[in-house]
C-alpha atoms as a PDB file:
ATOM      1  CA  MET A   1       7.512   8.308  12.027  1.00  0.00           C
ATOM      2  CA  SER A   2       9.096   7.831   8.655  1.00  0.00           C
ATOM      3  CA  ALA A   3       7.691   4.573   7.308  1.00  0.00           C
ATOM      4  CA  ILE A   4       5.711   5.106   4.112  1.00  0.00           C
ATOM      5  CA  SER A   5       3.073   2.691   2.862  1.00  0.00           C
ATOM      6  CA  ASN A   6       3.361   0.877  -0.453  1.00  0.00           C
ATOM      7  CA  TYR A   7       0.343   2.885  -1.634  1.00  0.00           C
ATOM      8  CA  LEU A   8       2.016   6.255  -1.007  1.00  0.00           C
ATOM      9  CA  GLU A   9       5.424   5.116  -2.287  1.00  0.00           C
ATOM     10  CA  ASN A  10       3.854   4.153  -5.619  1.00  0.00           C
ATOM     11  CA  ALA A  11       1.751   7.321  -5.794  1.00  0.00           C
ATOM     12  CA  LEU A  12       4.777   9.563  -5.174  1.00  0.00           C
ATOM     13  CA  ILE A  13       6.986   7.732  -7.664  1.00  0.00           C
ATOM     14  CA  ASN A  14       4.263   7.920 -10.294  1.00  0.00           C
ATOM     15  CA  ALA A  15       3.632  11.618  -9.626  1.00  0.00           C
ATOM     16  CA  VAL A  16       7.274  12.698  -9.580  1.00  0.00           C
ATOM     17  CA  LEU A  17       8.831  10.389 -12.177  1.00  0.00           C
ATOM     18  CA  ARG A  18       5.979   9.383 -14.467  1.00  0.00           C
ATOM     19  CA  ASN A  19       3.831  12.550 -14.554  1.00  0.00           C
ATOM     20  CA  THR A  20       0.865  10.592 -13.188  1.00  0.00           C
ATOM     21  CA  PRO A  21      -1.319  12.953 -11.136  1.00  0.00           C
ATOM     22  CA  TYR A  22      -1.773  12.308  -7.434  1.00  0.00           C
ATOM     23  CA  THR A  23      -4.597  14.059  -5.649  1.00  0.00           C
ATOM     24  CA  SER A  24      -3.810  14.834  -2.032  1.00  0.00           C
ATOM     25  CA  PRO A  25      -6.573  13.987   0.443  1.00  0.00           C
ATOM     26  CA  SER A  26      -8.593  16.921   1.744  1.00  0.00           C
ATOM     27  CA  ALA A  27      -8.008  15.650   5.298  1.00  0.00           C
ATOM     28  CA  VAL A  28      -5.904  12.957   6.955  1.00  0.00           C
ATOM     29  CA  TYR A  29      -6.707  10.865  10.005  1.00  0.00           C
ATOM     30  CA  LEU A  30      -4.761   9.291  12.842  1.00  0.00           C
ATOM     31  CA  ALA A  31      -5.449   5.603  13.447  1.00  0.00           C
ATOM     32  CA  LEU A  32      -4.397   3.427  16.369  1.00  0.00           C
ATOM     33  CA  TYR A  33      -3.049  -0.093  15.838  1.00  0.00           C
ATOM     34  CA  THR A  34      -2.424  -3.034  18.160  1.00  0.00           C
ATOM     35  CA  SER A  35       0.106  -4.488  15.708  1.00  0.00           C
ATOM     36  CA  ASP A  36       2.498  -3.175  13.066  1.00  0.00           C
ATOM     37  CA  PRO A  37       0.503  -1.941  10.039  1.00  0.00           C
ATOM     38  CA  THR A  38       3.465  -2.682   7.721  1.00  0.00           C
ATOM     39  CA  ASP A  39       3.898  -1.082   4.298  1.00  0.00           C
ATOM     40  CA  ALA A  40       0.927  -3.138   3.085  1.00  0.00           C
ATOM     41  CA  ASN A  41      -1.452  -2.001   5.895  1.00  0.00           C
ATOM     42  CA  THR A  42      -1.866  -5.540   7.241  1.00  0.00           C
ATOM     43  CA  GLY A  43      -1.805  -4.608  10.940  1.00  0.00           C
ATOM     44  CA  THR A  44      -4.736  -4.660  13.341  1.00  0.00           C
ATOM     45  CA  GLU A  45      -6.453  -1.305  13.763  1.00  0.00           C
ATOM     46  CA  VAL A  46      -8.435  -0.744  16.941  1.00  0.00           C
ATOM     47  CA  THR A  47     -12.180  -1.340  16.472  1.00  0.00           C
ATOM     48  CA  GLY A  48     -15.293  -1.047  18.618  1.00  0.00           C
ATOM     49  CA  GLY A  49     -15.741   0.563  22.003  1.00  0.00           C
ATOM     50  CA  SER A  50     -16.449   4.023  20.480  1.00  0.00           C
ATOM     51  CA  TYR A  51     -13.086   4.065  18.667  1.00  0.00           C
ATOM     52  CA  GLN A  52     -12.856   6.272  15.611  1.00  0.00           C
ATOM     53  CA  ARG A  53      -9.964   7.778  13.714  1.00  0.00           C
ATOM     54  CA  GLN A  54      -9.273  11.407  14.501  1.00  0.00           C
ATOM     55  CA  GLN A  55      -8.428  14.148  12.035  1.00  0.00           C
ATOM     56  CA  ILE A  56      -4.837  15.329  12.267  1.00  0.00           C
ATOM     57  CA  THR A  57      -3.321  18.501  10.843  1.00  0.00           C
ATOM     58  CA  PHE A  58       0.330  19.350  10.293  1.00  0.00           C
ATOM     59  CA  SER A  59       2.547  22.406  10.397  1.00  0.00           C
ATOM     60  CA  ALA A  60       4.533  23.529   7.357  1.00  0.00           C
ATOM     61  CA  PRO A  61       7.526  21.269   6.697  1.00  0.00           C
ATOM     62  CA  SER A  62      11.043  22.282   7.671  1.00  0.00           C
ATOM     63  CA  ASP A  63      14.080  20.312   6.505  1.00  0.00           C
ATOM     64  CA  GLY A  64      11.898  17.366   5.489  1.00  0.00           C
ATOM     65  CA  MET A  65       9.957  17.137   8.762  1.00  0.00           C
ATOM     66  CA  VAL A  66       6.448  18.060   9.900  1.00  0.00           C
ATOM     67  CA  SER A  67       4.688  17.756  13.265  1.00  0.00           C
ATOM     68  CA  ASN A  68       1.032  17.659  14.170  1.00  0.00           C
ATOM     69  CA  SER A  69      -0.321  21.136  14.813  1.00  0.00           C
ATOM     70  CA  ASN A  70      -3.483  20.055  16.622  1.00  0.00           C
ATOM     71  CA  GLU A  71      -4.204  18.284  19.885  1.00  0.00           C
ATOM     72  CA  ILE A  72      -5.810  14.914  19.178  1.00  0.00           C
ATOM     73  CA  LEU A  73      -8.407  13.618  21.608  1.00  0.00           C
ATOM     74  CA  PHE A  74      -9.878  10.175  20.981  1.00  0.00           C
ATOM     75  CA  PRO A  75     -13.335   9.321  22.358  1.00  0.00           C
ATOM     76  CA  VAL A  76     -13.671   7.742  25.788  1.00  0.00           C
ATOM     77  CA  ALA A  77     -13.324   3.991  25.291  1.00  0.00           C
ATOM     78  CA  THR A  78     -16.574   2.164  26.034  1.00  0.00           C
ATOM     79  CA  ALA A  79     -14.739  -1.187  25.821  1.00  0.00           C
ATOM     80  CA  ASN A  80     -11.122  -2.292  25.988  1.00  0.00           C
ATOM     81  CA  TRP A  81      -9.187  -1.248  22.866  1.00  0.00           C
ATOM     82  CA  GLY A  82      -6.131  -3.332  23.683  1.00  0.00           C
ATOM     83  CA  THR A  83      -2.508  -2.202  23.708  1.00  0.00           C
ATOM     84  CA  VAL A  84      -1.735   0.455  21.114  1.00  0.00           C
ATOM     85  CA  THR A  85       1.716  -0.268  19.676  1.00  0.00           C
ATOM     86  CA  HIS A  86       1.584   1.663  16.378  1.00  0.00           C
ATOM     87  CA  ILE A  87      -0.116   4.628  14.764  1.00  0.00           C
ATOM     88  CA  GLY A  88      -0.933   5.351  11.155  1.00  0.00           C
ATOM     89  CA  ILE A  89      -1.954   8.321   9.034  1.00  0.00           C
ATOM     90  CA  LEU A  90      -4.746   7.469   6.588  1.00  0.00           C
ATOM     91  CA  ASP A  91      -6.535   9.397   3.873  1.00  0.00           C
ATOM     92  CA  ALA A  92     -10.084   8.677   5.103  1.00  0.00           C
ATOM     93  CA  ALA A  93     -12.064   8.573   8.358  1.00  0.00           C
ATOM     94  CA  THR A  94     -12.971   4.956   7.543  1.00  0.00           C
ATOM     95  CA  GLY A  95     -11.452   2.615   4.986  1.00  0.00           C
ATOM     96  CA  GLY A  96      -9.073   4.507   2.741  1.00  0.00           C
ATOM     97  CA  ASN A  97      -5.339   4.169   2.273  1.00  0.00           C
ATOM     98  CA  LEU A  98      -2.525   4.070   4.784  1.00  0.00           C
ATOM     99  CA  LEU A  99       0.005   6.838   4.073  1.00  0.00           C
ATOM    100  CA  PHE A 100       2.529   6.836   6.937  1.00  0.00           C
ATOM    101  CA  TYR A 101       2.944   4.680  10.033  1.00  0.00           C
ATOM    102  CA  GLY A 102       5.261   3.965  12.930  1.00  0.00           C
ATOM    103  CA  ALA A 103       5.628   2.426  16.372  1.00  0.00           C
ATOM    104  CA  VAL A 104       4.684   4.466  19.421  1.00  0.00           C
ATOM    105  CA  THR A 105       7.486   5.276  21.848  1.00  0.00           C
ATOM    106  CA  THR A 106       5.697   3.587  24.752  1.00  0.00           C
ATOM    107  CA  PRO A 107       2.844   1.124  24.051  1.00  0.00           C
ATOM    108  CA  LYS A 108      -0.358   2.191  25.814  1.00  0.00           C
ATOM    109  CA  THR A 109      -3.140  -0.117  26.989  1.00  0.00           C
ATOM    110  CA  ILE A 110      -6.545   1.534  26.513  1.00  0.00           C
ATOM    111  CA  SER A 111      -9.175   0.100  28.841  1.00  0.00           C
ATOM    112  CA  THR A 112     -12.850   0.929  29.290  1.00  0.00           C
ATOM    113  CA  ASN A 113     -13.314   4.594  30.335  1.00  0.00           C
ATOM    114  CA  ASP A 114      -9.783   5.578  29.238  1.00  0.00           C
ATOM    115  CA  GLN A 115      -9.278   8.478  26.841  1.00  0.00           C
ATOM    116  CA  LEU A 116      -6.154   8.910  24.749  1.00  0.00           C
ATOM    117  CA  LYS A 117      -4.859  12.448  24.220  1.00  0.00           C
ATOM    118  CA  ILE A 118      -1.937  13.355  21.960  1.00  0.00           C
ATOM    119  CA  ASN A 119      -0.506  16.838  22.308  1.00  0.00           C
ATOM    120  CA  ALA A 120       0.310  19.100  19.391  1.00  0.00           C
ATOM    121  CA  GLY A 121       3.858  18.462  18.249  1.00  0.00           C
ATOM    122  CA  ASP A 122       3.988  14.882  19.568  1.00  0.00           C
ATOM    123  CA  ILE A 123       3.738  13.234  16.142  1.00  0.00           C
ATOM    124  CA  SER A 124       6.327  13.978  13.522  1.00  0.00           C
ATOM    125  CA  ILE A 125       6.907  12.676  10.018  1.00  0.00           C
ATOM    126  CA  THR A 126      10.317  12.861   8.404  1.00  0.00           C
ATOM    127  CA  LEU A 127      11.326  12.226   4.818  1.00  0.00           C
ATOM    128  CA  ALA A 128      15.055  11.714   4.514  1.00  0.00           C
END
């Protein structure tokens, strides 16, 4: 995943080139989308059926890349969530700002009683 939201692009440019402070979030969260979030975060995030964003942590970067260091286990779906086509990293458990996003390798339909698990190391972010 290497797409950066408009919000984060502006924050980084301001911090690096304009000496405008940027405060990093104390935690970041993985969100599931049924459509492309786009740079403007206009995609459709999963809602209902016990869905909630999950906290995600990352290893130290190496050569401009990081990977998730924790296993991510979403709640058991109590209703159909639809087909997850994209994921996003946001700076809040609800609401907040999209930071990074990308398409999943293989879209996954989440039906009632399904539970999505993402292994450590399966999500990577690269700045090139």
